[in-house]
C-alpha atoms as a PDB file:
ATOM      1  CA  MET A   1     120.525-157.779  38.943  1.00  0.00           C
ATOM      2  CA  PHE A   2     118.869-160.227  41.313  1.00  0.00           C
ATOM      3  CA  PRO A   3     118.009-163.754  40.193  1.00  0.00           C
ATOM      4  CA  VAL A   4     114.403-163.775  38.949  1.00  0.00           C
ATOM      5  CA  PRO A   5     112.232-166.668  40.184  1.00  0.00           C
ATOM      6  CA  SER A   6     109.928-168.621  37.894  1.00  0.00           C
ATOM      7  CA  THR A   7     107.297-168.666  40.672  1.00  0.00           C
ATOM      8  CA  PRO A   8     106.632-165.653  42.902  1.00  0.00           C
ATOM      9  CA  ILE A   9     108.570-165.828  46.167  1.00  0.00           C
ATOM     10  CA  LEU A  10     106.808-164.565  49.290  1.00  0.00           C
ATOM     11  CA  TYR A  11     109.026-163.684  52.232  1.00  0.00           C
ATOM     12  CA  SER A  12     106.738-164.132  55.182  1.00  0.00           C
ATOM     13  CA  PHE A  13     106.445-164.737  58.920  1.00  0.00           C
ATOM     14  CA  ARG A  14     103.722-167.112  59.988  1.00  0.00           C
ATOM     15  CA  ARG A  15     102.225-165.046  62.819  1.00  0.00           C
ATOM     16  CA  CYS A  16     102.646-161.565  61.315  1.00  0.00           C
ATOM     17  CA  PRO A  17      99.152-160.219  60.496  1.00  0.00           C
ATOM     18  CA  TYR A  18     100.428-158.302  57.455  1.00  0.00           C
ATOM     19  CA  ALA A  19     102.045-161.448  56.049  1.00  0.00           C
ATOM     20  CA  MET A  20      98.956-163.448  56.966  1.00  0.00           C
ATOM     21  CA  ARG A  21      96.649-161.196  54.941  1.00  0.00           C
ATOM     22  CA  ALA A  22      98.957-161.553  51.926  1.00  0.00           C
ATOM     23  CA  ARG A  23      98.962-165.362  52.180  1.00  0.00           C
ATOM     24  CA  LEU A  24      95.178-165.464  52.608  1.00  0.00           C
ATOM     25  CA  ALA A  25      94.691-163.428  49.438  1.00  0.00           C
ATOM     26  CA  LEU A  26      97.135-165.480  47.372  1.00  0.00           C
ATOM     27  CA  LEU A  27      95.528-168.717  48.507  1.00  0.00           C
ATOM     28  CA  GLN A  28      91.969-167.485  47.908  1.00  0.00           C
ATOM     29  CA  ALA A  29      92.915-166.226  44.436  1.00  0.00           C
ATOM     30  CA  ALA A  30      94.663-169.557  43.692  1.00  0.00           C
ATOM     31  CA  ARG A  31      97.923-167.791  42.866  1.00  0.00           C
ATOM     32  CA  PRO A  32     100.923-170.140  43.062  1.00  0.00           C
ATOM     33  CA  PHE A  33     103.725-168.806  45.241  1.00  0.00           C
ATOM     34  CA  GLN A  34     106.772-170.070  47.092  1.00  0.00           C
ATOM     35  CA  PRO A  35     106.622-169.096  50.780  1.00  0.00           C
ATOM     36  CA  VAL A  36     109.894-168.391  52.556  1.00  0.00           C
ATOM     37  CA  GLU A  37     109.597-168.211  56.332  1.00  0.00           C
ATOM     38  CA  VAL A  38     111.865-165.499  57.697  1.00  0.00           C
ATOM     39  CA  SER A  39     113.612-165.323  61.040  1.00  0.00           C
ATOM     40  CA  LEU A  40     112.907-161.748  62.131  1.00  0.00           C
ATOM     41  CA  ARG A  41     115.975-161.767  64.366  1.00  0.00           C
ATOM     42  CA  ASP A  42     118.297-162.832  61.559  1.00  0.00           C
ATOM     43  CA  LYS A  43     116.818-161.698  58.272  1.00  0.00           C
ATOM     44  CA  PRO A  44     118.133-163.344  55.105  1.00  0.00           C
ATOM     45  CA  ALA A  45     120.427-161.338  52.874  1.00  0.00           C
ATOM     46  CA  ALA A  46     118.187-162.086  49.875  1.00  0.00           C
ATOM     47  CA  LEU A  47     115.262-160.329  51.579  1.00  0.00           C
ATOM     48  CA  LEU A  48     117.344-157.298  52.527  1.00  0.00           C
ATOM     49  CA  ARG A  49     118.661-156.970  48.983  1.00  0.00           C
ATOM     50  CA  LEU A  50     115.111-156.841  47.676  1.00  0.00           C
ATOM     51  CA  SER A  51     113.746-154.634  50.464  1.00  0.00           C
ATOM     52  CA  PRO A  52     116.264-152.932  52.766  1.00  0.00           C
ATOM     53  CA  LYS A  53     113.551-152.081  55.301  1.00  0.00           C
ATOM     54  CA  GLY A  54     113.445-155.797  56.053  1.00  0.00           C
ATOM     55  CA  THR A  55     109.780-156.100  57.019  1.00  0.00           C
ATOM     56  CA  VAL A  56     107.453-158.824  55.785  1.00  0.00           C
ATOM     57  CA  PRO A  57     105.672-159.573  53.573  1.00  0.00           C
ATOM     58  CA  VAL A  58     107.831-158.975  50.518  1.00  0.00           C
ATOM     59  CA  MET A  59     107.071-160.655  47.201  1.00  0.00           C
ATOM     60  CA  GLN A  60     109.495-161.069  44.301  1.00  0.00           C
ATOM     61  CA  LEU A  61     107.662-161.565  41.007  1.00  0.00           C
ATOM     62  CA  PRO A  62     108.875-163.421  37.905  1.00  0.00           C
ATOM     63  CA  ASP A  63     108.802-160.160  35.920  1.00  0.00           C
ATOM     64  CA  GLY A  64     111.372-158.627  38.286  1.00  0.00           C
ATOM     65  CA  ARG A  65     109.000-156.464  40.295  1.00  0.00           C
ATOM     66  CA  VAL A  66     109.168-156.435  44.085  1.00  0.00           C
ATOM     67  CA  LEU A  67     106.019-155.810  46.143  1.00  0.00           C
ATOM     68  CA  GLU A  68     106.775-154.559  49.647  1.00  0.00           C
ATOM     69  CA  GLU A  69     103.298-153.829  51.029  1.00  0.00           C
ATOM     70  CA  SER A  70     100.651-156.376  51.984  1.00  0.00           C
ATOM     71  CA  TRP A  71      97.791-154.492  50.285  1.00  0.00           C
ATOM     72  CA  ASP A  72      99.806-154.349  47.051  1.00  0.00           C
ATOM     73  CA  ILE A  73     100.322-158.110  47.226  1.00  0.00           C
ATOM     74  CA  MET A  74      96.594-158.563  47.759  1.00  0.00           C
ATOM     75  CA  ARG A  75      95.863-156.329  44.763  1.00  0.00           C
ATOM     76  CA  TRP A  76      98.258-158.383  42.632  1.00  0.00           C
ATOM     77  CA  ALA A  77      96.567-161.609  43.733  1.00  0.00           C
ATOM     78  CA  TRP A  78      93.388-160.675  41.831  1.00  0.00           C
ATOM     79  CA  ALA A  79      94.999-158.571  39.088  1.00  0.00           C
ATOM     80  CA  ASP A  80      94.485-161.227  36.401  1.00  0.00           C
ATOM     81  CA  GLY A  81      90.916-162.036  37.326  1.00  0.00           C
ATOM     82  CA  ASP A  82      88.373-161.170  40.001  1.00  0.00           C
ATOM     83  CA  GLY A  83      85.340-163.042  38.780  1.00  0.00           C
ATOM     84  CA  GLU A  84      84.054-163.629  42.314  1.00  0.00           C
ATOM     85  CA  GLY A  85      84.451-159.968  43.262  1.00  0.00           C
ATOM     86  CA  TRP A  86      86.851-160.364  46.196  1.00  0.00           C
ATOM     87  CA  TRP A  87      88.881-157.296  45.206  1.00  0.00           C
ATOM     88  CA  SER A  88      86.131-155.170  43.680  1.00  0.00           C
ATOM     89  CA  ARG A  89      83.899-155.390  46.766  1.00  0.00           C
ATOM     90  CA  ALA A  90      86.815-154.161  48.876  1.00  0.00           C
ATOM     91  CA  GLN A  91      87.044-150.917  46.907  1.00  0.00           C
ATOM     92  CA  SER A  92      83.934-149.268  48.350  1.00  0.00           C
ATOM     93  CA  ALA A  93      84.527-146.054  50.292  1.00  0.00           C
ATOM     94  CA  GLU A  94      83.198-147.785  53.413  1.00  0.00           C
ATOM     95  CA  ASN A  95      85.604-150.707  53.137  1.00  0.00           C
ATOM     96  CA  LEU A  96      88.604-148.523  52.321  1.00  0.00           C
ATOM     97  CA  ALA A  97      87.819-146.369  55.370  1.00  0.00           C
ATOM     98  CA  LEU A  98      87.609-149.509  57.511  1.00  0.00           C
ATOM     99  CA  LEU A  99      90.986-150.667  56.223  1.00  0.00           C
ATOM    100  CA  HIS A 100      92.428-147.248  57.112  1.00  0.00           C
ATOM    101  CA  ARG A 101      91.006-147.578  60.641  1.00  0.00           C
ATOM    102  CA  ASN A 102      92.510-151.056  60.980  1.00  0.00           C
ATOM    103  CA  ASP A 103      95.974-150.138  59.772  1.00  0.00           C
ATOM    104  CA  GLY A 104      95.954-146.803  61.603  1.00  0.00           C
ATOM    105  CA  ASP A 105      94.304-146.239  64.988  1.00  0.00           C
ATOM    106  CA  PHE A 106      93.490-149.871  65.695  1.00  0.00           C
ATOM    107  CA  LYS A 107      97.027-151.107  64.998  1.00  0.00           C
ATOM    108  CA  HIS A 108      98.393-148.258  67.144  1.00  0.00           C
ATOM    109  CA  TRP A 109      96.324-149.332  70.151  1.00  0.00           C
ATOM    110  CA  LEU A 110      96.641-153.047  69.456  1.00  0.00           C
ATOM    111  CA  ASP A 111     100.426-152.773  69.771  1.00  0.00           C
ATOM    112  CA  ARG A 112     100.083-150.984  73.122  1.00  0.00           C
ATOM    113  CA  PHE A 113      97.579-153.558  74.339  1.00  0.00           C
ATOM    114  CA  LYS A 114      99.695-156.537  73.339  1.00  0.00           C
ATOM    115  CA  TYR A 115     103.131-155.104  74.169  1.00  0.00           C
ATOM    116  CA  PRO A 116     102.611-152.494  76.940  1.00  0.00           C
ATOM    117  CA  GLU A 117     106.207-152.898  78.103  1.00  0.00           C
ATOM    118  CA  ARG A 118     107.436-151.484  74.798  1.00  0.00           C
ATOM    119  CA  PHE A 119     105.554-148.234  75.335  1.00  0.00           C
ATOM    120  CA  GLU A 120     106.223-147.458  78.974  1.00  0.00           C
ATOM    121  CA  GLY A 121     107.145-143.875  78.084  1.00  0.00           C
ATOM    122  CA  ASP A 122     103.706-143.181  76.589  1.00  0.00           C
ATOM    123  CA  GLY A 123     101.289-141.333  78.776  1.00  0.00           C
ATOM    124  CA  VAL A 124      98.531-143.621  77.524  1.00  0.00           C
ATOM    125  CA  ALA A 125     100.453-146.896  77.448  1.00  0.00           C
ATOM    126  CA  ARG A 126      98.391-148.572  80.167  1.00  0.00           C
ATOM    127  CA  ARG A 127      97.015-151.823  78.876  1.00  0.00           C
ATOM    128  CA  ASP A 128      93.410-151.154  79.899  1.00  0.00           C
ATOM    129  CA  ILE A 129      93.395-147.785  78.149  1.00  0.00           C
ATOM    130  CA  ALA A 130      94.919-149.286  75.014  1.00  0.00           C
ATOM    131  CA  ARG A 131      92.346-152.088  75.033  1.00  0.00           C
ATOM    132  CA  SER A 132      89.357-149.773  75.326  1.00  0.00           C
ATOM    133  CA  ARG A 133      90.642-147.434  72.612  1.00  0.00           C
ATOM    134  CA  ALA A 134      91.271-150.362  70.261  1.00  0.00           C
ATOM    135  CA  VAL A 135      87.693-151.539  70.796  1.00  0.00           C
ATOM    136  CA  VAL A 136      86.331-148.098  69.928  1.00  0.00           C
ATOM    137  CA  ALA A 137      88.703-147.633  66.981  1.00  0.00           C
ATOM    138  CA  LEU A 138      87.663-150.775  65.098  1.00  0.00           C
ATOM    139  CA  LEU A 139      85.676-153.426  66.917  1.00  0.00           C
ATOM    140  CA  VAL A 140      82.586-151.297  67.524  1.00  0.00           C
ATOM    141  CA  PRO A 141      82.441-150.134  63.881  1.00  0.00           C
ATOM    142  CA  LEU A 142      82.974-153.731  62.774  1.00  0.00           C
ATOM    143  CA  GLU A 143      80.063-154.872  64.922  1.00  0.00           C
ATOM    144  CA  GLY A 144      77.848-152.291  63.254  1.00  0.00           C
ATOM    145  CA  ARG A 145      78.834-153.457  59.779  1.00  0.00           C
ATOM    146  CA  LEU A 146      78.558-157.155  60.566  1.00  0.00           C
ATOM    147  CA  SER A 147      75.180-156.744  62.265  1.00  0.00           C
ATOM    148  CA  ALA A 148      73.803-155.650  58.895  1.00  0.00           C
ATOM    149  CA  ALA A 149      75.554-158.329  56.779  1.00  0.00           C
ATOM    150  CA  PRO A 150      77.642-161.407  57.609  1.00  0.00           C
ATOM    151  CA  TRP A 151      80.720-160.187  55.738  1.00  0.00           C
ATOM    152  CA  LEU A 152      82.412-156.883  54.984  1.00  0.00           C
ATOM    153  CA  GLY A 153      81.685-157.659  51.348  1.00  0.00           C
ATOM    154  CA  GLY A 154      77.986-157.947  52.168  1.00  0.00           C
ATOM    155  CA  SER A 155      76.472-161.328  51.389  1.00  0.00           C
ATOM    156  CA  ALA A 156      79.932-162.655  50.450  1.00  0.00           C
ATOM    157  CA  PRO A 157      83.392-161.918  51.887  1.00  0.00           C
ATOM    158  CA  CYS A 158      85.923-159.655  50.223  1.00  0.00           C
ATOM    159  CA  ALA A 159      89.565-158.642  50.465  1.00  0.00           C
ATOM    160  CA  THR A 160      88.748-156.317  53.368  1.00  0.00           C
ATOM    161  CA  ASP A 161      87.616-159.307  55.443  1.00  0.00           C
ATOM    162  CA  LEU A 162      90.961-160.964  54.744  1.00  0.00           C
ATOM    163  CA  ALA A 163      92.894-157.770  55.489  1.00  0.00           C
ATOM    164  CA  VAL A 164      91.208-157.057  58.831  1.00  0.00           C
ATOM    165  CA  PHE A 165      90.713-160.575  60.193  1.00  0.00           C
ATOM    166  CA  PRO A 166      94.387-161.268  61.176  1.00  0.00           C
ATOM    167  CA  PHE A 167      94.475-158.125  63.325  1.00  0.00           C
ATOM    168  CA  VAL A 168      91.190-158.897  65.092  1.00  0.00           C
ATOM    169  CA  ARG A 169      92.503-162.412  65.670  1.00  0.00           C
ATOM    170  CA  GLN A 170      95.639-160.970  67.244  1.00  0.00           C
ATOM    171  CA  PHE A 171      93.608-158.679  69.501  1.00  0.00           C
ATOM    172  CA  ALA A 172      91.357-161.543  70.632  1.00  0.00           C
ATOM    173  CA  ALA A 173      94.335-163.779  71.424  1.00  0.00           C
ATOM    174  CA  VAL A 174      95.842-161.303  73.914  1.00  0.00           C
ATOM    175  CA  ASP A 175      92.981-161.883  76.369  1.00  0.00           C
ATOM    176  CA  ARG A 176      90.527-164.365  74.911  1.00  0.00           C
ATOM    177  CA  ALA A 177      88.310-164.466  77.994  1.00  0.00           C
ATOM    178  CA  GLY A 178      88.027-160.693  77.989  1.00  0.00           C
ATOM    179  CA  PHE A 179      87.354-160.624  74.254  1.00  0.00           C
ATOM    180  CA  ASP A 180      84.595-163.212  74.587  1.00  0.00           C
ATOM    181  CA  MET A 181      82.878-161.006  77.178  1.00  0.00           C
ATOM    182  CA  LEU A 182      82.613-158.031  74.822  1.00  0.00           C
ATOM    183  CA  PRO A 183      78.969-157.484  73.746  1.00  0.00           C
ATOM    184  CA  LEU A 184      79.804-157.864  70.060  1.00  0.00           C
ATOM    185  CA  PRO A 185      77.940-161.001  68.882  1.00  0.00           C
ATOM    186  CA  ALA A 186      78.206-160.348  65.143  1.00  0.00           C
ATOM    187  CA  LEU A 187      81.958-159.795  65.434  1.00  0.00           C
ATOM    188  CA  HIS A 188      82.357-162.978  67.473  1.00  0.00           C
ATOM    189  CA  ALA A 189      80.491-164.980  64.827  1.00  0.00           C
ATOM    190  CA  TRP A 190      82.572-163.440  62.008  1.00  0.00           C
ATOM    191  CA  LEU A 191      85.867-164.156  63.772  1.00  0.00           C
ATOM    192  CA  GLY A 192      84.785-167.701  64.596  1.00  0.00           C
ATOM    193  CA  ALA A 193      83.885-168.350  60.964  1.00  0.00           C
ATOM    194  CA  TRP A 194      87.313-167.242  59.767  1.00  0.00           C
ATOM    195  CA  LEU A 195      89.172-169.138  62.492  1.00  0.00           C
ATOM    196  CA  GLY A 196      87.317-172.317  61.488  1.00  0.00           C
ATOM    197  CA  SER A 197      87.723-171.862  57.754  1.00  0.00           C
ATOM    198  CA  ASP A 198      89.723-174.101  55.433  1.00  0.00           C
ATOM    199  CA  LEU A 199      91.365-170.962  54.042  1.00  0.00           C
ATOM    200  CA  PHE A 200      92.783-170.012  57.435  1.00  0.00           C
ATOM    201  CA  ALA A 201      93.941-173.581  58.043  1.00  0.00           C
ATOM    202  CA  ALA A 202      95.829-173.546  54.734  1.00  0.00           C
ATOM    203  CA  CYS A 203      97.304-170.142  55.521  1.00  0.00           C
ATOM    204  CA  MET A 204      98.688-171.358  58.848  1.00  0.00           C
ATOM    205  CA  VAL A 205     100.270-174.620  57.684  1.00  0.00           C
ATOM    206  CA  LYS A 206     103.579-174.798  59.509  1.00  0.00           C
ATOM    207  CA  PRO A 207     106.287-173.759  57.046  1.00  0.00           C
ATOM    208  CA  LEU A 208     109.801-175.034  56.612  1.00  0.00           C
ATOM    209  CA  PRO A 209     112.346-173.734  59.161  1.00  0.00           C
ATOM    210  CA  PRO A 210     112.990-169.985  58.879  1.00  0.00           C
ATOM    211  CA  VAL A 211     115.597-168.728  56.434  1.00  0.00           C
ATOM    212  CA  SER A 212     118.162-166.432  58.049  1.00  0.00           C
ATOM    213  CA  GLY A 213     121.570-164.924  57.438  1.00  0.00           C
END
């Protein structure tokens, strides 16, 4: 048996978009949690005991459960109350399909755009190809959605906004000048709003030194 915490423990990495979406949801839902910053090169034994795959985020709950997927952590964040509709608005077929695009094709091409050297054996690992396919996979559909309403939840944001935003942020940061030149004004406004939000600032507060070993 593992020691059970009185407050949920979130094993996280500050710049990981999956961990970021989990922190955003927990903060928005006002769920207390204890963040533990992980060194990805020297993962703590406590994390590996809970989740041998060793990826973040991983959350250990006071009832003994362990959540190993970011979307499951987001679901848990609103499980005891979703009065503002953050989770319910994310459950539309359109939003679930967008999440699938983000975590599937877009993440595939984002990795090849950001880290082309890791995929030199791929026939389509060239950075310009990866960039253009990432744009088509997610950014163009996002522009269409956000041209009709300011948020993926419509007139108010939802969990899908929080789930997708960290990945769009990561894409934009690879080549910010190139991103700013894309003819996607609604997407630019949406990203700028999240980057300037108090929620994002709280999510990115520099944590204590990473736990390792």
